[in-house]
Amino acid sequence: MNFWHNMQAAAGIDAFLWVALGFAAVASALFYFKPASRARIRAAAVLFGLACAGMLAAAALLSYGADEGGAGASGAAYLWLSWCARLFACFAVINVGGVLVFDVALDAARLRPPRIMRDLLVALAYVVTGVALLARAGFNPTGIIATSALLTAVIGLSFQDTLGNTMGGLALQLERSVSVGDWVRIDQQEGRIVDIRWRHTSIETRNWDTILIPNSVLMKSQVTVLGRRGGAATPHRQWVYFNVDFRYAPTEVADAVEAALLAEPIENVAREPRPQCIVVDFLDSYARYAVRYWLTDLAQTDPTDSVVRSRVYFALRRAGVPLSIPARSLFLTEEDEGRRSRKSQEETERRAGALARVELFRTLTDEERRELAGRLKDAPFARGEAMTRQGAEAHWLYVIRSGEADVRFTGEDGLTQKVASLGGGDFFGEMGLMTGAPRTATVFARTDVECYRLDKESFKDILRRRPEIAEDISHVLARRRAELDAVREGLSEEATRQRMRNHQGDLLRRIRNFFSLDRGDE
């Protein structure tokens, strides 16, 4: 028997040459087209090389007269060499087959089973192959399996922690609760999962550190998966805090910041949901704000936060709103009677001037307006607030100092329409003040609005001293009410004038009754 036949006998197959050529061709193609699997293919090539070396050594023993049945020392050596060579060859083929199945076939079908499942199947193939080769070599598989079971029990008792880590890794990959590529937070540590192995999970942090967490520990810990909601990848919400003095309205601060954040795209900041600026808290000397934005790349938290802070800083500077820091200041002002009187007089004149611009009070004397001015109350409203609601009963009138508001009327059909816009110097609520009638429309603050509020009791004394004012006021109210009717019902100019005349007499009577003008000063 020549050397090549001895080589085939050691390999256990007659077509070993074709198997070797086929293995080399497939391994080379996979090595070229699947760079991510080159480590496995190299290992398979090394195993196949060892197999070929073992077969050559076994063939040499046969050529020098060794017994294929295992008789004698040379026969036993041949038997073990050929068995090991066949085992290594099978392992090499299993590794290449695993790459073909998992990295080529399943990847083409867009199926990506957990890595640990692949390792389990390959390990199972190793065990089955080893047992089959032992049986072919004449060993009893039953005895081998019984011995393996006893050995497994001993190993299981000795390596409980290792087995716990292994089972934890298996559970993590089969459940897919976390996956490679996920960003997670564990005990205040944040990082991206780069690998889940049998014993541990590797997490790379933003500081270029790698944390190795035993799988059994990971299974018992609270894990926050960042940027995932409902099983789908989503942007992660970030918070950037800053402080502003109480002197600046929250809506002014929020408008300035949000306008700057939305003006130009910021790298790694999602356009939807949009960034928001919110008031977080009111503290001793300042209000605390936060910008909430949605981060698209979790590896870029600090650089993106820095860009957002820069936008906030310059936006507030453009708006003339300085950032605040926690501080306590003591202001000492020399207060005397003259200063108090001067400040009070200045405020009264300012309010009287606002009342002079209100058509309802133009028939009042300067002294009467100053009297009313001393009874006005400040009433500020934030943008979007309802300043008064349709159908509500409130016996006071508002005079707008600054800001803009919309008047909206809701019809019986439930549809709401805008009927007027109000600005500085305008007033509303006159029907509630003068007659006690429910509000006929809803007024919303379109911007931040500063108002003065005047209630019935503050106006009653003047009206009782000069009852004739009621008639002038009834004309103004009748005209405003007729104009509102014209908008609602689409009245003509003549019909509007007639409606105004009808309203005037009714309103005068109601004013007199509401303020008890027909019953003297009681």
Protein backbone atom coordinates (compact mmCIF):
# COMPACT_ATOMS: atom_id res chain seq x y z
CA MET A 1 0.00 0.00 0.00
CA ASN A 2 1.55 3.32 -1.07
CA PHE A 3 1.76 6.48 1.05
CA TRP A 4 -1.30 8.22 -0.50
CA HIS A 5 -3.51 5.23 0.24
CA ASN A 6 -2.19 5.23 3.80
CA MET A 7 -3.10 8.96 3.97
CA GLN A 8 -6.68 8.21 2.87
CA ALA A 9 -6.90 5.38 5.36
CA ALA A 10 -5.81 7.72 8.18
CA ALA A 11 -8.40 10.29 7.04
CA GLY A 12 -11.13 7.64 6.96
CA ILE A 13 -12.42 8.74 3.51
CA ASP A 14 -11.27 7.94 -0.02
CA ALA A 15 -11.97 11.41 -1.44
CA PHE A 16 -9.90 13.29 1.13
CA LEU A 17 -8.10 15.27 -1.59
CA TRP A 18 -11.38 16.69 -2.90
CA VAL A 19 -12.55 17.43 0.63
CA ALA A 20 -9.32 19.32 1.30
CA LEU A 21 -9.58 21.27 -1.97
CA GLY A 22 -13.26 22.09 -1.30
CA PHE A 23 -12.46 23.24 2.23
CA ALA A 24 -9.65 25.47 0.98
CA ALA A 25 -11.87 27.02 -1.72
CA VAL A 26 -14.80 27.72 0.61
CA ALA A 27 -12.56 29.04 3.40
CA SER A 28 -10.75 31.36 0.98
CA ALA A 29 -14.01 32.75 -0.42
CA LEU A 30 -15.42 33.35 3.05
CA PHE A 31 -12.17 34.96 4.19
CA TYR A 32 -12.42 37.43 1.31
CA PHE A 33 -16.15 38.22 1.36
CA LYS A 34 -16.81 38.03 5.13
CA PRO A 35 -14.12 40.09 6.88
CA ALA A 36 -16.02 39.99 10.19
CA SER A 37 -15.64 36.16 10.29
CA ARG A 38 -11.93 35.98 9.51
CA ALA A 39 -11.00 35.00 13.07
CA ARG A 40 -13.20 31.89 12.87
CA ILE A 41 -11.89 31.03 9.42
CA ARG A 42 -8.27 31.35 10.60
CA ALA A 43 -9.04 29.04 13.52
CA ALA A 44 -10.64 26.56 11.14
CA ALA A 45 -7.60 26.73 8.83
CA VAL A 46 -5.26 26.08 11.77
CA LEU A 47 -7.37 23.09 12.85
CA PHE A 48 -7.41 21.72 9.31
CA GLY A 49 -3.64 22.18 9.09
CA LEU A 50 -3.19 20.23 12.34
CA ALA A 51 -5.52 17.56 10.95
CA CYS A 52 -3.44 17.23 7.80
CA ALA A 53 -0.24 17.03 9.87
CA GLY A 54 -1.79 14.30 12.02
CA MET A 55 -2.88 12.35 8.96
CA LEU A 56 0.61 12.59 7.47
CA ALA A 57 2.11 11.27 10.70
CA ALA A 58 -0.45 8.45 10.86
CA ALA A 59 0.24 7.56 7.18
CA ALA A 60 3.96 7.45 7.96
CA LEU A 61 3.31 5.01 10.82
CA LEU A 62 1.29 2.78 8.46
CA SER A 63 4.04 2.94 5.88
CA TYR A 64 6.51 1.63 8.49
CA GLY A 65 4.28 -1.30 9.43
CA ALA A 66 1.97 -0.05 12.18
CA ASP A 67 -1.18 -2.09 12.78
CA GLU A 68 -4.47 -0.36 11.87
CA GLY A 69 -6.22 -2.38 14.56
CA GLY A 70 -4.17 -0.76 17.30
CA ALA A 71 -2.00 -3.78 18.21
CA GLY A 72 1.35 -2.80 19.63
CA ALA A 73 2.71 0.57 20.55
CA SER A 74 2.90 1.79 16.94
CA GLY A 75 -0.66 0.62 16.33
CA ALA A 76 -1.99 2.50 19.37
CA ALA A 77 -0.10 5.61 18.31
CA TYR A 78 -1.59 5.33 14.81
CA LEU A 79 -5.08 4.92 16.26
CA TRP A 80 -4.86 8.07 18.42
CA LEU A 81 -3.15 10.12 15.73
CA SER A 82 -5.78 9.27 13.14
CA TRP A 83 -8.63 9.90 15.60
CA CYS A 84 -7.25 13.32 16.61
CA ALA A 85 -6.62 14.23 12.97
CA ARG A 86 -10.19 13.31 12.01
CA LEU A 87 -11.52 15.26 15.04
CA PHE A 88 -9.58 18.39 14.09
CA ALA A 89 -10.70 18.08 10.48
CA CYS A 90 -14.34 17.77 11.56
CA PHE A 91 -13.99 20.77 13.91
CA ALA A 92 -12.53 22.81 11.04
CA VAL A 93 -15.41 21.84 8.74
CA ILE A 94 -17.95 22.66 11.51
CA ASN A 95 -16.44 26.14 11.96
CA VAL A 96 -16.56 26.90 8.24
CA GLY A 97 -20.07 25.45 8.07
CA GLY A 98 -21.11 27.72 10.95
CA VAL A 99 -19.88 30.77 9.02
CA LEU A 100 -21.79 29.58 5.92
CA VAL A 101 -25.03 29.06 7.87
CA PHE A 102 -25.02 32.04 10.25
CA ASP A 103 -23.03 34.69 8.38
CA VAL A 104 -24.15 33.92 4.84
CA ALA A 105 -27.48 32.05 4.70
CA LEU A 106 -29.22 33.53 7.77
CA ASP A 107 -27.77 36.98 7.12
CA ALA A 108 -29.19 36.89 3.59
CA ALA A 109 -32.56 35.98 5.11
CA ARG A 110 -32.14 38.90 7.59
CA LEU A 111 -32.22 36.52 10.54
CA ARG A 112 -29.72 37.25 13.30
CA PRO A 113 -29.90 34.68 16.09
CA PRO A 114 -28.03 35.45 19.34
CA ARG A 115 -24.31 34.77 19.24
CA ILE A 116 -24.59 32.42 22.20
CA MET A 117 -27.06 30.24 20.25
CA ARG A 118 -24.48 29.92 17.50
CA ASP A 119 -21.83 28.95 20.05
CA LEU A 120 -24.18 26.38 21.61
CA LEU A 121 -24.96 24.76 18.27
CA VAL A 122 -21.29 24.64 17.29
CA ALA A 123 -20.38 23.16 20.71
CA LEU A 124 -23.15 20.58 20.34
CA ALA A 125 -21.79 19.66 16.90
CA TYR A 126 -18.32 19.26 18.45
CA VAL A 127 -19.67 16.87 21.12
CA VAL A 128 -21.71 14.79 18.66
CA THR A 129 -18.75 14.55 16.27
CA GLY A 130 -16.35 13.53 19.04
CA VAL A 131 -18.68 10.81 20.33
CA ALA A 132 -19.32 9.53 16.78
CA LEU A 133 -15.60 9.34 16.04
CA LEU A 134 -14.96 7.52 19.33
CA ALA A 135 -17.69 5.00 18.48
CA ARG A 136 -16.19 4.52 15.03
CA ALA A 137 -12.81 3.90 16.62
CA GLY A 138 -14.28 1.06 18.70
CA PHE A 139 -15.02 2.76 22.01
CA ASN A 140 -18.35 2.23 23.83
CA PRO A 141 -20.38 5.53 23.69
CA THR A 142 -22.63 4.44 26.61
CA GLY A 143 -19.72 4.28 29.00
CA ILE A 144 -18.39 7.56 27.71
CA ILE A 145 -21.77 9.29 28.25
CA ALA A 146 -22.13 7.86 31.78
CA THR A 147 -18.63 9.00 32.67
CA SER A 148 -19.36 12.42 31.13
CA ALA A 149 -22.53 12.77 33.25
CA LEU A 150 -20.58 12.10 36.46
CA LEU A 151 -17.85 14.45 35.36
CA THR A 152 -20.44 17.13 34.54
CA ALA A 153 -21.94 16.86 38.05
CA VAL A 154 -18.52 17.30 39.64
CA ILE A 155 -17.74 20.28 37.39
CA GLY A 156 -21.16 21.80 38.09
CA LEU A 157 -20.56 21.77 41.86
CA SER A 158 -17.06 23.17 41.47
CA PHE A 159 -17.90 25.98 39.04
CA GLN A 160 -21.28 27.29 40.21
CA ASP A 161 -20.37 30.96 39.62
CA THR A 162 -19.00 30.25 36.18
CA LEU A 163 -22.10 28.29 35.25
CA GLY A 164 -24.28 31.09 36.66
CA ASN A 165 -22.51 33.58 34.42
CA THR A 166 -22.87 31.25 31.46
CA MET A 167 -26.59 30.72 32.01
CA GLY A 168 -27.01 34.48 32.54
CA GLY A 169 -25.35 35.16 29.19
CA LEU A 170 -27.56 32.55 27.56
CA ALA A 171 -30.71 34.13 29.06
CA LEU A 172 -29.67 37.66 28.04
CA GLN A 173 -29.15 36.68 24.43
CA LEU A 174 -32.19 34.46 24.10
CA GLU A 175 -34.53 37.01 25.71
CA ARG A 176 -32.93 39.91 23.79
CA SER A 177 -33.64 42.19 26.76
CA VAL A 178 -30.36 43.88 25.89
CA SER A 179 -28.38 43.56 22.69
CA VAL A 180 -24.99 44.47 21.34
CA GLY A 181 -25.08 48.16 20.44
CA ASP A 182 -27.55 49.16 23.18
CA TRP A 183 -26.68 52.07 25.44
CA VAL A 184 -27.35 51.17 29.07
CA ARG A 185 -27.09 52.68 32.54
CA ILE A 186 -26.06 50.33 35.38
CA ASP A 187 -25.34 51.72 38.86
CA GLN A 188 -24.76 55.25 37.48
CA GLN A 189 -22.39 53.91 34.82
CA GLU A 190 -23.39 54.54 31.21
CA GLY A 191 -21.95 52.83 28.18
CA ARG A 192 -22.60 50.86 25.00
CA ILE A 193 -22.74 47.05 25.00
CA VAL A 194 -20.08 45.79 22.63
CA ASP A 195 -20.13 42.09 23.39
CA ILE A 196 -22.11 39.49 25.36
CA ARG A 197 -19.93 36.48 26.07
CA TRP A 198 -20.49 33.29 27.98
CA ARG A 199 -19.08 34.68 31.22
CA HIS A 200 -19.42 38.46 31.04
CA THR A 201 -20.85 41.42 29.14
CA SER A 202 -18.48 44.11 27.86
CA ILE A 203 -19.59 47.75 28.09
CA GLU A 204 -17.59 50.63 26.60
CA THR A 205 -18.04 53.99 28.36
CA ARG A 206 -17.72 57.47 26.88
CA ASN A 207 -14.40 57.79 28.75
CA TRP A 208 -12.91 55.05 26.56
CA ASP A 209 -13.04 52.56 29.41
CA THR A 210 -14.38 49.02 29.16
CA ILE A 211 -16.42 47.57 32.00
CA LEU A 212 -16.67 43.77 32.26
CA ILE A 213 -19.81 42.82 34.18
CA PRO A 214 -20.37 39.13 35.07
CA ASN A 215 -23.62 37.99 33.49
CA SER A 216 -24.98 36.68 36.80
CA VAL A 217 -24.49 40.17 38.32
CA LEU A 218 -26.09 41.80 35.28
CA MET A 219 -29.15 39.57 35.61
CA LYS A 220 -29.64 40.75 39.21
CA SER A 221 -29.07 44.47 38.55
CA GLN A 222 -31.44 47.19 37.45
CA VAL A 223 -30.52 48.03 33.88
CA THR A 224 -31.82 51.13 32.08
CA VAL A 225 -31.73 50.81 28.31
CA LEU A 226 -31.21 54.33 26.96
CA GLY A 227 -32.91 55.51 23.80
CA ARG A 228 -35.31 52.60 23.51
CA ARG A 229 -39.06 52.73 24.06
CA GLY A 230 -41.64 50.14 23.14
CA GLY A 231 -38.90 47.94 21.71
CA ALA A 232 -37.92 50.55 19.10
CA ALA A 233 -34.88 52.82 19.04
CA THR A 234 -35.81 56.42 19.90
CA PRO A 235 -33.91 59.64 20.67
CA HIS A 236 -32.80 60.00 24.28
CA ARG A 237 -33.99 63.09 26.18
CA GLN A 238 -31.26 65.26 27.66
CA TRP A 239 -31.61 68.05 30.25
CA VAL A 240 -29.53 71.23 30.34
CA TYR A 241 -30.18 73.49 33.34
CA PHE A 242 -29.66 77.23 33.83
CA ASN A 243 -30.81 79.99 36.19
CA VAL A 244 -32.42 83.37 35.52
CA ASP A 245 -33.39 86.18 37.90
CA PHE A 246 -37.04 86.60 38.94
CA ARG A 247 -37.18 89.99 37.23
CA TYR A 248 -37.63 88.32 33.84
CA ALA A 249 -40.91 86.65 32.87
CA PRO A 250 -40.73 82.87 32.22
CA THR A 251 -42.40 83.24 28.84
CA GLU A 252 -39.79 85.82 27.78
CA VAL A 253 -36.96 83.46 28.74
CA ALA A 254 -38.58 80.40 27.11
CA ASP A 255 -39.34 82.28 23.87
CA ALA A 256 -35.78 83.55 23.53
CA VAL A 257 -34.21 80.13 24.20
CA GLU A 258 -36.55 78.08 22.01
CA ALA A 259 -36.20 80.52 19.10
CA ALA A 260 -32.41 80.12 19.25
CA LEU A 261 -32.55 76.32 19.45
CA LEU A 262 -34.94 76.05 16.49
CA ALA A 263 -33.32 78.69 14.28
CA GLU A 264 -30.54 76.43 12.96
CA PRO A 265 -30.19 72.64 13.21
CA ILE A 266 -27.82 71.39 15.90
CA GLU A 267 -25.82 68.26 15.15
CA ASN A 268 -27.11 65.22 17.05
CA VAL A 269 -30.27 67.10 18.20
CA ALA A 270 -33.55 65.76 16.81
CA ARG A 271 -35.86 68.23 15.08
CA GLU A 272 -38.86 66.20 16.23
CA PRO A 273 -39.72 66.13 19.08
CA ARG A 274 -38.73 69.80 19.23
CA PRO A 275 -36.44 71.15 21.97
CA GLN A 276 -38.34 72.78 24.83
CA CYS A 277 -37.49 75.32 27.51
CA ILE A 278 -39.41 74.85 30.76
CA VAL A 279 -39.47 76.35 34.25
CA VAL A 280 -38.24 73.71 36.69
CA ASP A 281 -38.43 75.46 40.05
CA PHE A 282 -38.53 78.77 41.93
CA LEU A 283 -35.65 79.09 44.38
CA ASP A 284 -34.49 81.77 46.83
CA SER A 285 -33.20 84.37 44.40
CA TYR A 286 -33.81 82.98 40.92
CA ALA A 287 -35.93 80.71 38.77
CA ARG A 288 -34.43 77.42 37.58
CA TYR A 289 -34.97 76.53 33.91
CA ALA A 290 -34.14 73.51 31.80
CA VAL A 291 -33.76 72.87 28.09
CA ARG A 292 -35.09 69.43 27.15
CA TYR A 293 -33.82 68.15 23.83
CA TRP A 294 -33.69 64.74 22.19
CA LEU A 295 -30.22 63.34 21.49
CA THR A 296 -29.79 61.15 18.41
CA ASP A 297 -26.22 59.93 19.11
CA LEU A 298 -25.77 58.74 22.68
CA ALA A 299 -21.99 58.79 22.33
CA GLN A 300 -22.07 62.60 21.99
CA THR A 301 -23.78 63.72 25.21
CA ASP A 302 -21.20 66.19 26.55
CA PRO A 303 -20.29 67.89 23.22
CA THR A 304 -23.97 68.32 22.34
CA ASP A 305 -24.82 69.64 25.81
CA SER A 306 -22.01 72.17 25.36
CA VAL A 307 -23.42 73.41 22.06
CA VAL A 308 -26.90 73.73 23.58
CA ARG A 309 -25.51 75.70 26.54
CA SER A 310 -23.73 78.04 24.14
CA ARG A 311 -26.98 78.65 22.24
CA VAL A 312 -28.78 79.37 25.51
CA TYR A 313 -26.06 81.78 26.67
CA PHE A 314 -26.02 83.88 23.51
CA ALA A 315 -29.82 83.80 23.11
CA LEU A 316 -30.25 85.25 26.59
CA ARG A 317 -27.59 87.90 25.96
CA ARG A 318 -29.40 89.01 22.78
CA ALA A 319 -32.64 89.23 24.75
CA GLY A 320 -30.97 91.27 27.49
CA VAL A 321 -31.59 88.54 30.07
CA PRO A 322 -28.48 87.75 32.15
CA LEU A 323 -27.89 84.35 33.65
CA SER A 324 -28.26 84.27 37.42
CA ILE A 325 -26.31 82.47 40.10
CA PRO A 326 -27.41 81.59 43.63
CA ALA A 327 -26.82 84.77 45.62
CA ARG A 328 -28.15 86.83 48.47
CA SER A 329 -27.99 90.61 48.29
CA LEU A 330 -28.81 93.21 50.92
CA PHE A 331 -30.23 96.47 49.56
CA LEU A 332 -30.33 99.50 51.87
CA THR A 333 -32.58 102.35 50.79
CA GLU A 334 -33.16 105.47 52.81
CA GLU A 335 -36.95 105.64 53.02
CA ASP A 336 -38.71 108.82 54.13
CA GLU A 337 -42.19 110.21 53.88
CA GLY A 338 -41.32 112.44 50.94
CA ARG A 339 -39.96 109.55 48.88
CA ARG A 340 -42.97 107.35 49.62
CA SER A 341 -45.34 110.17 48.69
CA ARG A 342 -43.48 110.89 45.46
CA LYS A 343 -43.49 107.26 44.36
CA SER A 344 -47.18 106.88 45.22
CA GLN A 345 -48.06 110.01 43.28
CA GLU A 346 -46.08 108.85 40.23
CA GLU A 347 -47.87 105.49 40.24
CA THR A 348 -51.28 107.16 40.65
CA GLU A 349 -50.63 109.49 37.73
CA ARG A 350 -49.50 106.52 35.60
CA ARG A 351 -52.70 104.64 36.36
CA ALA A 352 -54.88 107.71 35.89
CA GLY A 353 -53.31 108.18 32.48
CA ALA A 354 -54.22 104.60 31.58
CA LEU A 355 -57.83 105.22 32.66
CA ALA A 356 -57.97 108.42 30.61
CA ARG A 357 -57.37 106.34 27.46
CA VAL A 358 -60.38 104.15 28.28
CA GLU A 359 -63.46 105.41 26.46
CA LEU A 360 -65.68 104.28 29.32
CA PHE A 361 -64.09 106.80 31.74
CA ARG A 362 -63.60 109.82 29.49
CA THR A 363 -66.50 111.70 31.11
CA LEU A 364 -64.87 111.42 34.52
CA THR A 365 -62.93 114.35 35.93
CA ASP A 366 -59.21 114.14 36.56
CA GLU A 367 -59.86 113.92 40.27
CA GLU A 368 -62.32 111.07 39.81
CA ARG A 369 -59.84 109.16 37.63
CA ARG A 370 -57.12 109.62 40.25
CA GLU A 371 -59.55 108.28 42.86
CA LEU A 372 -60.18 105.21 40.72
CA ALA A 373 -56.44 104.86 40.00
CA GLY A 374 -55.76 104.39 43.71
CA ARG A 375 -58.13 101.42 43.74
CA LEU A 376 -56.79 99.60 40.68
CA LYS A 377 -55.10 96.24 41.17
CA ASP A 378 -52.34 94.72 39.05
CA ALA A 379 -53.47 91.66 37.10
CA PRO A 380 -50.74 90.05 34.93
CA PHE A 381 -51.45 87.07 32.63
CA ALA A 382 -49.05 84.64 30.94
CA ARG A 383 -49.29 83.88 27.25
CA GLY A 384 -52.05 81.35 26.54
CA GLU A 385 -54.01 82.03 29.72
CA ALA A 386 -57.76 82.69 29.62
CA MET A 387 -58.19 86.18 31.08
CA THR A 388 -61.94 85.72 31.27
CA ARG A 389 -64.29 83.01 30.04
CA GLN A 390 -67.58 83.17 28.23
CA GLY A 391 -70.50 82.64 30.64
CA ALA A 392 -68.50 83.43 33.80
CA GLU A 393 -69.83 85.99 36.30
CA ALA A 394 -67.18 88.48 37.43
CA HIS A 395 -67.96 92.05 38.48
CA TRP A 396 -64.75 93.70 37.34
CA LEU A 397 -63.19 95.36 34.32
CA TYR A 398 -59.69 94.94 32.88
CA VAL A 399 -57.58 97.69 31.31
CA ILE A 400 -54.65 96.38 29.25
CA ARG A 401 -51.37 98.18 29.95
CA SER A 402 -49.22 96.11 27.57
CA GLY A 403 -49.47 92.94 25.54
CA GLU A 404 -52.02 91.51 23.09
CA ALA A 405 -55.16 89.40 23.55
CA ASP A 406 -57.81 87.74 21.36
CA VAL A 407 -61.56 87.84 21.92
CA ARG A 408 -63.29 84.60 20.94
CA PHE A 409 -66.98 83.75 20.86
CA THR A 410 -68.41 80.22 20.97
CA GLY A 411 -71.80 79.84 19.28
CA GLU A 412 -74.59 77.41 20.06
CA ASP A 413 -73.18 75.05 17.41
CA GLY A 414 -69.99 74.74 19.48
CA LEU A 415 -67.83 76.51 16.89
CA THR A 416 -65.43 79.18 18.18
CA GLN A 417 -64.49 82.23 16.16
CA LYS A 418 -62.19 85.15 16.80
CA VAL A 419 -64.19 88.38 16.90
CA ALA A 420 -61.62 90.98 17.98
CA SER A 421 -58.04 91.69 19.00
CA LEU A 422 -57.06 93.79 22.00
CA GLY A 423 -53.87 95.68 22.82
CA GLY A 424 -52.47 98.35 25.11
CA GLY A 425 -55.16 100.85 26.15
CA ASP A 426 -58.07 98.51 25.33
CA PHE A 427 -60.45 97.25 27.98
CA PHE A 428 -62.92 94.40 28.44
CA GLY A 429 -65.33 93.10 31.07
CA GLU A 430 -67.31 96.34 31.13
CA MET A 431 -70.69 94.55 31.08
CA GLY A 432 -69.77 92.55 34.16
CA LEU A 433 -68.58 95.68 35.97
CA MET A 434 -71.60 97.86 35.06
CA THR A 435 -74.51 95.39 34.94
CA GLY A 436 -73.33 92.14 36.54
CA ALA A 437 -74.02 90.29 33.27
CA PRO A 438 -72.12 87.06 32.56
CA ARG A 439 -69.15 87.31 30.18
CA THR A 440 -70.29 87.25 26.56
CA ALA A 441 -66.93 86.08 25.15
CA THR A 442 -63.64 84.51 26.14
CA VAL A 443 -60.44 86.56 26.15
CA PHE A 444 -57.10 84.75 25.71
CA ALA A 445 -53.68 86.30 26.24
CA ARG A 446 -51.82 86.03 22.93
CA THR A 447 -48.66 87.36 24.59
CA ASP A 448 -47.75 88.14 28.18
CA VAL A 449 -50.29 90.77 29.24
CA GLU A 450 -50.10 93.37 32.02
CA CYS A 451 -53.51 94.64 33.16
CA TYR A 452 -55.17 96.85 35.72
CA ARG A 453 -58.32 95.42 37.30
CA LEU A 454 -61.22 97.53 38.60
CA ASP A 455 -64.06 95.98 40.60
CA LYS A 456 -67.63 97.14 41.23
CA GLU A 457 -67.06 98.42 44.77
CA SER A 458 -64.25 100.69 43.62
CA PHE A 459 -66.50 102.39 41.03
CA LYS A 460 -69.70 102.49 43.06
CA ASP A 461 -68.87 105.59 45.13
CA ILE A 462 -68.16 107.76 42.07
CA LEU A 463 -71.24 106.55 40.23
CA ARG A 464 -73.51 107.27 43.19
CA ARG A 465 -72.09 110.79 43.57
CA ARG A 466 -72.66 111.50 39.89
CA PRO A 467 -75.48 109.27 38.61
CA GLU A 468 -75.52 111.11 35.27
CA ILE A 469 -72.34 109.29 34.32
CA ALA A 470 -74.42 106.13 33.95
CA GLU A 471 -76.10 107.49 30.81
CA ASP A 472 -72.77 108.25 29.10
CA ILE A 473 -71.50 104.81 30.01
CA SER A 474 -74.68 103.16 28.70
CA HIS A 475 -74.02 104.74 25.27
CA VAL A 476 -70.52 103.28 25.14
CA LEU A 477 -71.71 99.86 26.25
CA ALA A 478 -74.60 99.87 23.78
CA ARG A 479 -72.28 100.68 20.89
CA ARG A 480 -69.79 97.95 21.83
CA ARG A 481 -72.55 95.42 22.28
CA ALA A 482 -74.15 96.31 18.94
CA GLU A 483 -70.77 95.95 17.21
CA LEU A 484 -70.37 92.47 18.72
CA ASP A 485 -73.89 91.55 17.55
CA ALA A 486 -73.03 92.76 14.07
CA VAL A 487 -70.02 90.41 13.94
CA ARG A 488 -72.02 87.45 15.25
CA GLU A 489 -75.14 87.96 13.12
CA GLY A 490 -73.76 89.84 10.10
CA LEU A 491 -75.98 92.91 10.66
CA SER A 492 -76.07 95.83 8.25
CA GLU A 493 -75.01 99.32 9.30
CA GLU A 494 -78.59 100.51 9.76
CA ALA A 495 -79.55 97.40 11.72
CA THR A 496 -76.48 97.92 13.93
CA ARG A 497 -77.54 101.50 14.74
CA GLN A 498 -81.06 100.35 15.57
CA ARG A 499 -79.72 97.57 17.77
CA MET A 500 -77.53 100.14 19.59
CA ARG A 501 -80.56 102.36 20.34
CA ASN A 502 -82.48 99.39 21.70
CA HIS A 503 -79.58 98.32 23.90
CA GLN A 504 -78.91 101.78 25.32
CA GLY A 505 -82.20 102.12 27.23
CA ASP A 506 -82.01 98.56 28.55
CA LEU A 507 -78.40 98.97 29.67
CA LEU A 508 -79.06 102.26 31.45
CA ARG A 509 -81.85 100.61 33.45
CA ARG A 510 -79.65 97.66 34.33
CA ILE A 511 -76.76 99.90 35.44
CA ARG A 512 -79.08 101.85 37.71
CA ASN A 513 -80.47 98.67 39.22
CA PHE A 514 -77.06 97.03 39.65
CA PHE A 515 -75.62 100.04 41.50
CA SER A 516 -78.91 100.88 43.25
CA LEU A 517 -78.89 104.38 41.78
CA ASP A 518 -82.69 104.67 41.92
CA ARG A 519 -82.74 104.06 45.68
CA GLY A 520 -80.51 106.84 46.85
CA ASP A 521 -77.31 106.19 48.77
CA GLU A 522 -78.55 103.39 50.94
